[in-house]
PDB file of N, CA and C in Angstrom:
ATOM      1  N   MET A   1     103.036 113.018  71.846  1.00  0.00           N
ATOM      2  CA  MET A   1     103.560 114.066  72.146  1.00  0.00           C
ATOM      3  C   MET A   1     103.031 113.575  73.630  1.00  0.00           C
ATOM      4  N   ILE A   2     103.781 113.554  74.716  1.00  0.00           N
ATOM      5  CA  ILE A   2     103.742 113.046  75.848  1.00  0.00           C
ATOM      6  C   ILE A   2     102.886 114.487  77.045  1.00  0.00           C
ATOM      7  N   GLY A   3     101.413 114.037  77.119  1.00  0.00           N
ATOM      8  CA  GLY A   3     101.168 115.261  77.590  1.00  0.00           C
ATOM      9  C   GLY A   3     101.354 115.045  79.851  1.00  0.00           C
ATOM     10  N   LEU A   4     100.359 116.657  79.774  1.00  0.00           N
ATOM     11  CA  LEU A   4      99.943 115.847  81.121  1.00  0.00           C
ATOM     12  C   LEU A   4      99.555 114.959  81.564  1.00  0.00           C
ATOM     13  N   GLU A   5      98.377 114.492  80.908  1.00  0.00           N
ATOM     14  CA  GLU A   5      97.583 113.604  80.985  1.00  0.00           C
ATOM     15  C   GLU A   5      98.276 112.356  81.535  1.00  0.00           C
ATOM     16  N   HIS A   6      99.265 112.262  81.220  1.00  0.00           N
ATOM     17  CA  HIS A   6     100.641 110.874  80.873  1.00  0.00           C
ATOM     18  C   HIS A   6     100.898 110.711  82.020  1.00  0.00           C
ATOM     19  N   PHE A   7     101.475 112.478  82.560  1.00  0.00           N
ATOM     20  CA  PHE A   7     101.857 112.258  83.496  1.00  0.00           C
ATOM     21  C   PHE A   7     101.576 111.558  84.822  1.00  0.00           C
ATOM     22  N   LEU A   8     100.023 113.014  85.064  1.00  0.00           N
ATOM     23  CA  LEU A   8      99.262 112.553  85.743  1.00  0.00           C
ATOM     24  C   LEU A   8      98.594 110.712  86.056  1.00  0.00           C
ATOM     25  N   PHE A   9      98.294 109.902  84.589  1.00  0.00           N
ATOM     26  CA  PHE A   9      98.058 109.252  84.809  1.00  0.00           C
ATOM     27  C   PHE A   9      99.037 108.365  85.281  1.00  0.00           C
ATOM     28  N   VAL A  10     100.499 108.015  85.395  1.00  0.00           N
ATOM     29  CA  VAL A  10     101.211 107.503  86.150  1.00  0.00           C
ATOM     30  C   VAL A  10     101.811 107.606  87.326  1.00  0.00           C
ATOM     31  N   ALA A  11     101.549 109.284  87.716  1.00  0.00           N
ATOM     32  CA  ALA A  11     101.218 109.460  89.120  1.00  0.00           C
ATOM     33  C   ALA A  11     100.519 108.690  89.792  1.00  0.00           C
ATOM     34  N   ALA A  12      99.242 108.755  89.468  1.00  0.00           N
ATOM     35  CA  ALA A  12      97.912 108.207  89.631  1.00  0.00           C
ATOM     36  C   ALA A  12      97.969 106.539  90.154  1.00  0.00           C
ATOM     37  N   VAL A  13      98.928 105.952  89.003  1.00  0.00           N
ATOM     38  CA  VAL A  13      99.025 104.903  89.147  1.00  0.00           C
ATOM     39  C   VAL A  13     100.612 104.098  90.574  1.00  0.00           C
ATOM     40  N   LEU A  14     101.408 105.457  90.568  1.00  0.00           N
ATOM     41  CA  LEU A  14     101.824 104.740  91.946  1.00  0.00           C
ATOM     42  C   LEU A  14     101.474 105.121  93.226  1.00  0.00           C
ATOM     43  N   PHE A  15     100.321 106.038  92.905  1.00  0.00           N
ATOM     44  CA  PHE A  15      99.845 106.409  94.312  1.00  0.00           C
ATOM     45  C   PHE A  15      99.051 105.459  94.895  1.00  0.00           C
ATOM     46  N   VAL A  16      98.554 104.958  93.891  1.00  0.00           N
ATOM     47  CA  VAL A  16      97.297 103.316  93.920  1.00  0.00           C
ATOM     48  C   VAL A  16      97.808 102.125  94.830  1.00  0.00           C
ATOM     49  N   ILE A  17      99.075 102.129  94.037  1.00  0.00           N
ATOM     50  CA  ILE A  17     100.074 101.246  94.478  1.00  0.00           C
ATOM     51  C   ILE A  17     100.903 101.321  95.273  1.00  0.00           C
ATOM     52  N   GLY A  18     101.134 102.788  96.083  1.00  0.00           N
ATOM     53  CA  GLY A  18     101.504 103.258  97.343  1.00  0.00           C
ATOM     54  C   GLY A  18      99.996 102.953  98.698  1.00  0.00           C
ATOM     55  N   LEU A  19      99.030 103.595  98.162  1.00  0.00           N
ATOM     56  CA  LEU A  19      98.477 102.931  98.732  1.00  0.00           C
ATOM     57  C   LEU A  19      97.968 101.460  99.420  1.00  0.00           C
ATOM     58  N   TYR A  20      97.832 100.658  98.462  1.00  0.00           N
ATOM     59  CA  TYR A  20      97.432  99.109  98.549  1.00  0.00           C
ATOM     60  C   TYR A  20      98.515  98.860  99.221  1.00  0.00           C
ATOM     61  N   GLY A  21     100.112  98.949  99.244  1.00  0.00           N
ATOM     62  CA  GLY A  21     100.478  98.313 100.216  1.00  0.00           C
ATOM     63  C   GLY A  21     100.720  99.158 101.406  1.00  0.00           C
ATOM     64  N   VAL A  22     100.635 100.350 102.256  1.00  0.00           N
ATOM     65  CA  VAL A  22      99.974 100.640 103.513  1.00  0.00           C
ATOM     66  C   VAL A  22      99.030 100.112 103.336  1.00  0.00           C
ATOM     67  N   LEU A  23      97.977  99.352 103.113  1.00  0.00           N
ATOM     68  CA  LEU A  23      96.588  99.509 103.579  1.00  0.00           C
ATOM     69  C   LEU A  23      96.882  97.133 104.201  1.00  0.00           C
ATOM     70  N   THR A  24      97.875  96.890 102.863  1.00  0.00           N
ATOM     71  CA  THR A  24      97.161  95.551 103.277  1.00  0.00           C
ATOM     72  C   THR A  24      99.116  95.557 104.044  1.00  0.00           C
ATOM     73  N   LYS A  25      99.998  95.724 103.477  1.00  0.00           N
ATOM     74  CA  LYS A  25     101.308  94.850 104.561  1.00  0.00           C
ATOM     75  C   LYS A  25     101.428  94.762 106.034  1.00  0.00           C
ATOM     76  N   ARG A  26     102.002  93.621 106.387  1.00  0.00           N
ATOM     77  CA  ARG A  26     102.436  93.988 107.744  1.00  0.00           C
ATOM     78  C   ARG A  26     103.397  94.327 108.936  1.00  0.00           C
ATOM     79  N   ASN A  27     104.592  94.705 106.836  1.00  0.00           N
ATOM     80  CA  ASN A  27     105.882  95.042 107.314  1.00  0.00           C
ATOM     81  C   ASN A  27     106.544  96.369 108.149  1.00  0.00           C
ATOM     82  N   VAL A  28     106.546  96.720 108.894  1.00  0.00           N
ATOM     83  CA  VAL A  28     107.131  98.390 108.463  1.00  0.00           C
ATOM     84  C   VAL A  28     107.505  99.212 107.349  1.00  0.00           C
ATOM     85  N   THR A  29     108.942  97.817 107.585  1.00  0.00           N
ATOM     86  CA  THR A  29     109.768  98.570 106.216  1.00  0.00           C
ATOM     87  C   THR A  29     108.885  98.732 105.391  1.00  0.00           C
ATOM     88  N   ALA A  30     108.280  97.480 105.392  1.00  0.00           N
ATOM     89  CA  ALA A  30     106.821  97.887 103.426  1.00  0.00           C
ATOM     90  C   ALA A  30     106.722  98.825 103.614  1.00  0.00           C
ATOM     91  N   ILE A  31     105.796  99.114 104.945  1.00  0.00           N
ATOM     92  CA  ILE A  31     104.683 100.206 104.463  1.00  0.00           C
ATOM     93  C   ILE A  31     105.665 102.239 104.252  1.00  0.00           C
ATOM     94  N   LEU A  32     106.633 102.056 104.752  1.00  0.00           N
ATOM     95  CA  LEU A  32     107.302 102.911 104.753  1.00  0.00           C
ATOM     96  C   LEU A  32     107.660 103.389 103.136  1.00  0.00           C
ATOM     97  N   MET A  33     108.276 102.086 102.835  1.00  0.00           N
ATOM     98  CA  MET A  33     108.853 101.626 101.446  1.00  0.00           C
ATOM     99  C   MET A  33     106.895 102.044 100.611  1.00  0.00           C
ATOM    100  N   SER A  34     106.050 101.948 100.795  1.00  0.00           N
ATOM    101  CA  SER A  34     105.037 102.072 100.700  1.00  0.00           C
ATOM    102  C   SER A  34     104.403 103.927 100.169  1.00  0.00           C
ATOM    103  N   MET A  35     105.099 104.291 101.222  1.00  0.00           N
ATOM    104  CA  MET A  35     104.102 105.932 101.933  1.00  0.00           C
ATOM    105  C   MET A  35     105.398 106.320 100.954  1.00  0.00           C
ATOM    106  N   GLU A  36     107.081 106.136 100.112  1.00  0.00           N
ATOM    107  CA  GLU A  36     107.823 107.065  99.554  1.00  0.00           C
ATOM    108  C   GLU A  36     107.008 106.867  98.042  1.00  0.00           C
ATOM    109  N   LEU A  37     106.779 105.710  97.786  1.00  0.00           N
ATOM    110  CA  LEU A  37     105.986 105.358  96.335  1.00  0.00           C
ATOM    111  C   LEU A  37     104.849 106.869  96.222  1.00  0.00           C
ATOM    112  N   MET A  38     103.988 106.752  97.465  1.00  0.00           N
ATOM    113  CA  MET A  38     103.023 107.991  97.213  1.00  0.00           C
ATOM    114  C   MET A  38     103.683 109.013  97.549  1.00  0.00           C
ATOM    115  N   LEU A  39     104.592 109.865  98.145  1.00  0.00           N
ATOM    116  CA  LEU A  39     105.511 110.892  97.579  1.00  0.00           C
ATOM    117  C   LEU A  39     105.739 110.915  97.191  1.00  0.00           C
ATOM    118  N   ASN A  40     106.191 110.021  96.084  1.00  0.00           N
ATOM    119  CA  ASN A  40     106.954 110.176  94.783  1.00  0.00           C
ATOM    120  C   ASN A  40     105.841 111.070  93.840  1.00  0.00           C
ATOM    121  N   ALA A  41     104.870 109.737  93.622  1.00  0.00           N
ATOM    122  CA  ALA A  41     103.428 109.946  93.097  1.00  0.00           C
ATOM    123  C   ALA A  41     103.285 111.893  92.925  1.00  0.00           C
ATOM    124  N   VAL A  42     103.589 112.400  94.599  1.00  0.00           N
ATOM    125  CA  VAL A  42     102.771 113.291  94.501  1.00  0.00           C
ATOM    126  C   VAL A  42     103.986 114.599  93.972  1.00  0.00           C
ATOM    127  N   ASN A  43     105.618 114.342  94.054  1.00  0.00           N
ATOM    128  CA  ASN A  43     106.279 115.178  93.174  1.00  0.00           C
ATOM    129  C   ASN A  43     106.091 114.929  91.953  1.00  0.00           C
ATOM    130  N   ILE A  44     105.916 114.023  91.139  1.00  0.00           N
ATOM    131  CA  ILE A  44     105.149 113.596  89.897  1.00  0.00           C
ATOM    132  C   ILE A  44     104.528 114.640  89.397  1.00  0.00           C
ATOM    133  N   ASN A  45     102.882 114.526  90.265  1.00  0.00           N
ATOM    134  CA  ASN A  45     102.112 115.896  90.340  1.00  0.00           C
ATOM    135  C   ASN A  45     102.503 117.339  90.058  1.00  0.00           C
ATOM    136  N   LEU A  46     103.462 117.936  90.942  1.00  0.00           N
ATOM    137  CA  LEU A  46     104.113 118.621  91.805  1.00  0.00           C
ATOM    138  C   LEU A  46     104.600 119.206  90.318  1.00  0.00           C
ATOM    139  N   ILE A  47     105.909 118.379  89.567  1.00  0.00           N
ATOM    140  CA  ILE A  47     106.623 118.643  88.413  1.00  0.00           C
ATOM    141  C   ILE A  47     106.235 118.712  86.862  1.00  0.00           C
ATOM    142  N   ALA A  48     104.776 117.671  87.449  1.00  0.00           N
ATOM    143  CA  ALA A  48     103.873 117.773  85.769  1.00  0.00           C
ATOM    144  C   ALA A  48     103.012 119.118  86.125  1.00  0.00           C
ATOM    145  N   PHE A  49     102.579 119.549  86.760  1.00  0.00           N
ATOM    146  CA  PHE A  49     101.794 120.705  86.707  1.00  0.00           C
ATOM    147  C   PHE A  49     102.760 122.093  86.558  1.00  0.00           C
ATOM    148  N   SER A  50     103.624 121.967  86.699  1.00  0.00           N
ATOM    149  CA  SER A  50     105.229 123.270  87.534  1.00  0.00           C
ATOM    150  C   SER A  50     105.175 122.875  85.260  1.00  0.00           C
ATOM    151  N   ARG A  51     105.839 122.313  84.761  1.00  0.00           N
ATOM    152  CA  ARG A  51     105.656 122.297  83.584  1.00  0.00           C
ATOM    153  C   ARG A  51     104.376 122.379  82.373  1.00  0.00           C
ATOM    154  N   PHE A  52     103.118 122.230  82.844  1.00  0.00           N
ATOM    155  CA  PHE A  52     102.393 122.236  81.552  1.00  0.00           C
ATOM    156  C   PHE A  52     102.037 123.424  82.420  1.00  0.00           C
ATOM    157  N   ILE A  53     102.134 124.124  83.540  1.00  0.00           N
ATOM    158  CA  ILE A  53     100.727 124.844  83.491  1.00  0.00           C
ATOM    159  C   ILE A  53     101.085 126.121  83.981  1.00  0.00           C
ATOM    160  N   THR A  54     102.633 126.764  84.268  1.00  0.00           N
ATOM    161  CA  THR A  54     103.238 127.259  84.580  1.00  0.00           C
ATOM    162  C   THR A  54     104.785 127.443  83.901  1.00  0.00           C
ATOM    163  N   PRO A  55     104.748 126.967  82.525  1.00  0.00           N
ATOM    164  CA  PRO A  55     106.395 126.833  82.951  1.00  0.00           C
ATOM    165  C   PRO A  55     107.306 127.421  83.075  1.00  0.00           C
ATOM    166  N   GLU A  56     106.845 129.159  82.862  1.00  0.00           N
ATOM    167  CA  GLU A  56     108.138 129.736  83.085  1.00  0.00           C
ATOM    168  C   GLU A  56     108.525 129.748  84.961  1.00  0.00           C
ATOM    169  N   SER A  57     107.637 129.778  85.666  1.00  0.00           N
ATOM    170  CA  SER A  57     108.187 129.387  87.245  1.00  0.00           C
ATOM    171  C   SER A  57     108.125 128.549  87.598  1.00  0.00           C
ATOM    172  N   MET A  58     109.535 128.318  88.814  1.00  0.00           N
ATOM    173  CA  MET A  58     109.866 127.194  89.186  1.00  0.00           C
ATOM    174  C   MET A  58     109.846 126.162  90.710  1.00  0.00           C
ATOM    175  N   THR A  59     108.253 126.727  90.625  1.00  0.00           N
ATOM    176  CA  THR A  59     107.501 126.690  92.171  1.00  0.00           C
ATOM    177  C   THR A  59     107.736 125.138  92.243  1.00  0.00           C
ATOM    178  N   GLY A  60     107.573 123.951  90.828  1.00  0.00           N
ATOM    179  CA  GLY A  60     107.204 122.922  91.197  1.00  0.00           C
ATOM    180  C   GLY A  60     108.404 121.970  91.866  1.00  0.00           C
ATOM    181  N   GLN A  61     108.754 122.477  90.838  1.00  0.00           N
ATOM    182  CA  GLN A  61     110.077 121.917  91.273  1.00  0.00           C
ATOM    183  C   GLN A  61     111.055 122.129  93.011  1.00  0.00           C
ATOM    184  N   VAL A  62     110.990 122.783  93.073  1.00  0.00           N
ATOM    185  CA  VAL A  62     110.691 123.477  94.517  1.00  0.00           C
ATOM    186  C   VAL A  62     110.990 122.761  95.117  1.00  0.00           C
ATOM    187  N   PHE A  63     109.540 123.255  95.047  1.00  0.00           N
ATOM    188  CA  PHE A  63     108.348 121.892  96.246  1.00  0.00           C
ATOM    189  C   PHE A  63     108.471 120.818  95.759  1.00  0.00           C
ATOM    190  N   ALA A  64     108.804 119.867  94.952  1.00  0.00           N
ATOM    191  CA  ALA A  64     109.615 118.918  94.844  1.00  0.00           C
ATOM    192  C   ALA A  64     110.566 118.499  95.350  1.00  0.00           C
ATOM    193  N   ILE A  65     111.981 119.430  95.722  1.00  0.00           N
ATOM    194  CA  ILE A  65     112.495 118.957  96.515  1.00  0.00           C
ATOM    195  C   ILE A  65     112.224 119.240  97.853  1.00  0.00           C
ATOM    196  N   PHE A  66     111.659 120.446  98.238  1.00  0.00           N
ATOM    197  CA  PHE A  66     111.231 120.073  99.838  1.00  0.00           C
ATOM    198  C   PHE A  66     110.983 118.899 100.295  1.00  0.00           C
ATOM    199  N   THR A  67     109.780 118.095  98.899  1.00  0.00           N
ATOM    200  CA  THR A  67     109.260 117.254  99.821  1.00  0.00           C
ATOM    201  C   THR A  67     109.785 115.618  99.843  1.00  0.00           C
ATOM    202  N   ILE A  68     110.800 116.164  98.932  1.00  0.00           N
ATOM    203  CA  ILE A  68     111.964 114.912  99.071  1.00  0.00           C
ATOM    204  C   ILE A  68     112.777 115.265 100.226  1.00  0.00           C
ATOM    205  N   THR A  69     113.085 116.269 100.844  1.00  0.00           N
ATOM    206  CA  THR A  69     113.934 116.531 101.667  1.00  0.00           C
ATOM    207  C   THR A  69     113.192 115.863 103.447  1.00  0.00           C
ATOM    208  N   ILE A  70     112.212 116.349 103.607  1.00  0.00           N
ATOM    209  CA  ILE A  70     111.095 115.562 104.462  1.00  0.00           C
ATOM    210  C   ILE A  70     111.012 114.331 104.266  1.00  0.00           C
ATOM    211  N   ALA A  71     110.870 113.458 102.817  1.00  0.00           N
ATOM    212  CA  ALA A  71     110.521 112.116 102.869  1.00  0.00           C
ATOM    213  C   ALA A  71     112.109 111.610 103.246  1.00  0.00           C
ATOM    214  N   ALA A  72     113.283 111.990 103.057  1.00  0.00           N
ATOM    215  CA  ALA A  72     114.225 111.494 104.043  1.00  0.00           C
ATOM    216  C   ALA A  72     114.519 111.886 105.070  1.00  0.00           C
ATOM    217  N   ALA A  73     113.915 112.987 105.851  1.00  0.00           N
ATOM    218  CA  ALA A  73     113.977 112.867 107.311  1.00  0.00           C
ATOM    219  C   ALA A  73     113.013 112.088 107.267  1.00  0.00           C
ATOM    220  N   GLU A  74     111.944 111.943 107.095  1.00  0.00           N
ATOM    221  CA  GLU A  74     110.958 110.564 107.866  1.00  0.00           C
ATOM    222  C   GLU A  74     111.213 109.601 107.593  1.00  0.00           C
ATOM    223  N   LEU A  75     111.948 108.801 106.311  1.00  0.00           N
ATOM    224  CA  LEU A  75     112.595 108.020 106.012  1.00  0.00           C
ATOM    225  C   LEU A  75     113.744 107.430 107.284  1.00  0.00           C
ATOM    226  N   ALA A  76     114.654 108.580 107.776  1.00  0.00           N
ATOM    227  CA  ALA A  76     114.846 108.279 108.257  1.00  0.00           C
ATOM    228  C   ALA A  76     114.856 107.828 109.863  1.00  0.00           C
ATOM    229  N   VAL A  77     113.942 108.678 110.638  1.00  0.00           N
ATOM    230  CA  VAL A  77     113.005 108.634 111.342  1.00  0.00           C
ATOM    231  C   VAL A  77     113.176 107.007 111.510  1.00  0.00           C
ATOM    232  N   GLY A  78     111.809 107.038 110.554  1.00  0.00           N
ATOM    233  CA  GLY A  78     110.908 106.030 109.863  1.00  0.00           C
ATOM    234  C   GLY A  78     111.926 104.707 110.451  1.00  0.00           C
ATOM    235  N   LEU A  79     112.873 104.608 110.009  1.00  0.00           N
ATOM    236  CA  LEU A  79     113.774 103.694 110.231  1.00  0.00           C
ATOM    237  C   LEU A  79     114.715 103.123 111.658  1.00  0.00           C
ATOM    238  N   ALA A  80     115.232 104.017 112.145  1.00  0.00           N
ATOM    239  CA  ALA A  80     115.506 104.287 113.671  1.00  0.00           C
ATOM    240  C   ALA A  80     114.046 103.663 114.183  1.00  0.00           C
ATOM    241  N   LEU A  81     113.001 104.070 114.374  1.00  0.00           N
ATOM    242  CA  LEU A  81     112.059 103.771 114.746  1.00  0.00           C
ATOM    243  C   LEU A  81     112.109 102.154 114.717  1.00  0.00           C
ATOM    244  N   VAL A  82     111.816 101.540 114.043  1.00  0.00           N
ATOM    245  CA  VAL A  82     112.006 100.523 113.139  1.00  0.00           C
ATOM    246  C   VAL A  82     112.699  99.249 113.404  1.00  0.00           C
ATOM    247  N   PHE A  83     114.346  99.869 113.655  1.00  0.00           N
ATOM    248  CA  PHE A  83     115.735  99.424 114.183  1.00  0.00           C
ATOM    249  C   PHE A  83     115.671  99.790 116.022  1.00  0.00           C
ATOM    250  N   ARG A  84     114.563 100.390 116.095  1.00  0.00           N
ATOM    251  CA  ARG A  84     114.769  99.954 117.835  1.00  0.00           C
ATOM    252  C   ARG A  84     113.591  98.673 117.969  1.00  0.00           C
ATOM    253  N   ILE A  85     112.642  98.538 117.113  1.00  0.00           N
ATOM    254  CA  ILE A  85     111.257  98.031 117.130  1.00  0.00           C
ATOM    255  C   ILE A  85     111.818  96.581 117.829  1.00  0.00           C
ATOM    256  N   TYR A  86     112.811  96.930 116.243  1.00  0.00           N
ATOM    257  CA  TYR A  86     113.233  95.234 116.221  1.00  0.00           C
ATOM    258  C   TYR A  86     114.161  94.880 117.684  1.00  0.00           C
ATOM    259  N   HIS A  87     115.098  95.415 117.793  1.00  0.00           N
ATOM    260  CA  HIS A  87     116.018  95.245 119.136  1.00  0.00           C
ATOM    261  C   HIS A  87     115.167  94.751 120.500  1.00  0.00           C
ATOM    262  N   ASP A  88     113.984  95.581 120.551  1.00  0.00           N
ATOM    263  CA  ASP A  88     112.926  95.362 121.750  1.00  0.00           C
ATOM    264  C   ASP A  88     112.297  93.767 121.250  1.00  0.00           C
ATOM    265  N   ARG A  89     111.435  94.176 120.386  1.00  0.00           N
ATOM    266  CA  ARG A  89     110.698  92.805 119.957  1.00  0.00           C
ATOM    267  C   ARG A  89     110.925  91.987 118.772  1.00  0.00           C
ATOM    268  N   ASN A  90     111.578  91.899 118.551  1.00  0.00           N
ATOM    269  CA  ASN A  90     112.725  91.043 117.328  1.00  0.00           C
ATOM    270  C   ASN A  90     111.077  90.706 116.513  1.00  0.00           C
ATOM    271  N   THR A  91     110.678  91.901 115.822  1.00  0.00           N
ATOM    272  CA  THR A  91     109.464  91.684 115.352  1.00  0.00           C
ATOM    273  C   THR A  91     109.369  93.035 114.581  1.00  0.00           C
ATOM    274  N   VAL A  92     109.330  93.350 113.607  1.00  0.00           N
ATOM    275  CA  VAL A  92     108.656  94.344 112.629  1.00  0.00           C
ATOM    276  C   VAL A  92     106.791  94.379 111.960  1.00  0.00           C
ATOM    277  N   ASP A  93     106.562  93.341 112.647  1.00  0.00           N
ATOM    278  CA  ASP A  93     104.740  93.085 111.870  1.00  0.00           C
ATOM    279  C   ASP A  93     104.173  94.260 112.531  1.00  0.00           C
ATOM    280  N   ALA A  94     103.469  94.915 111.641  1.00  0.00           N
ATOM    281  CA  ALA A  94     102.539  96.009 112.084  1.00  0.00           C
ATOM    282  C   ALA A  94     101.693  95.722 113.308  1.00  0.00           C
ATOM    283  N   GLU A  95     100.856  94.059 112.841  1.00  0.00           N
ATOM    284  CA  GLU A  95      99.922  93.859 113.875  1.00  0.00           C
ATOM    285  C   GLU A  95     100.224  93.585 114.849  1.00  0.00           C
ATOM    286  N   GLN A  96     101.619  93.500 115.073  1.00  0.00           N
ATOM    287  CA  GLN A  96     101.531  92.978 116.470  1.00  0.00           C
ATOM    288  C   GLN A  96     102.566  94.384 117.735  1.00  0.00           C
ATOM    289  N   LEU A  97     102.693  95.020 117.063  1.00  0.00           N
ATOM    290  CA  LEU A  97     102.671  96.537 117.489  1.00  0.00           C
ATOM    291  C   LEU A  97     102.060  97.339 118.146  1.00  0.00           C
ATOM    292  N   ASN A  98     101.186  96.795 119.131  1.00  0.00           N
ATOM    293  CA  ASN A  98      99.565  97.838 119.546  1.00  0.00           C
ATOM    294  C   ASN A  98      99.591  97.822 120.758  1.00  0.00           C
ATOM    295  N   ARG A  99     101.241  97.923 121.403  1.00  0.00           N
ATOM    296  CA  ARG A  99     101.114  98.108 122.852  1.00  0.00           C
ATOM    297  C   ARG A  99     102.332  99.528 122.662  1.00  0.00           C
ATOM    298  N   MET A 100     101.142 100.735 123.205  1.00  0.00           N
ATOM    299  CA  MET A 100     101.920 102.001 123.222  1.00  0.00           C
ATOM    300  C   MET A 100     103.825 102.413 124.521  1.00  0.00           C
ATOM    301  N   ARG A 101     103.519 100.868 125.287  1.00  0.00           N
ATOM    302  CA  ARG A 101     104.369 100.718 126.197  1.00  0.00           C
ATOM    303  C   ARG A 101     105.294  99.765 126.522  1.00  0.00           C
ATOM    304  N   TRP A 102     106.124  98.803 125.976  1.00  0.00           N
ATOM    305  CA  TRP A 102     106.719  98.286 126.218  1.00  0.00           C
ATOM    306  C   TRP A 102     107.503  97.675 127.686  1.00  0.00           C
TER     307      TRP A 102
END
């Protein structure tokens, strides 16, 4: 039987993979994808705790849907910034984005 520990393990692995991607990648698009992995790990935790701790309420699922909505808005704004940065500088390398004013 799949228990809470299994869900927490999968979420921890996803979060660590996302954290590794955020800390090591240079491409801004890859950093955004790694942040999405981290948010998905949080969603797994929310739903797992809601299912195993309080199965009669739907609070974990509601918070997960709210988190997915916020992540979609973040992704839209982030990709718009990436397109603008690429248009201005012809690169999306995060290490070359050291100036606030172009």
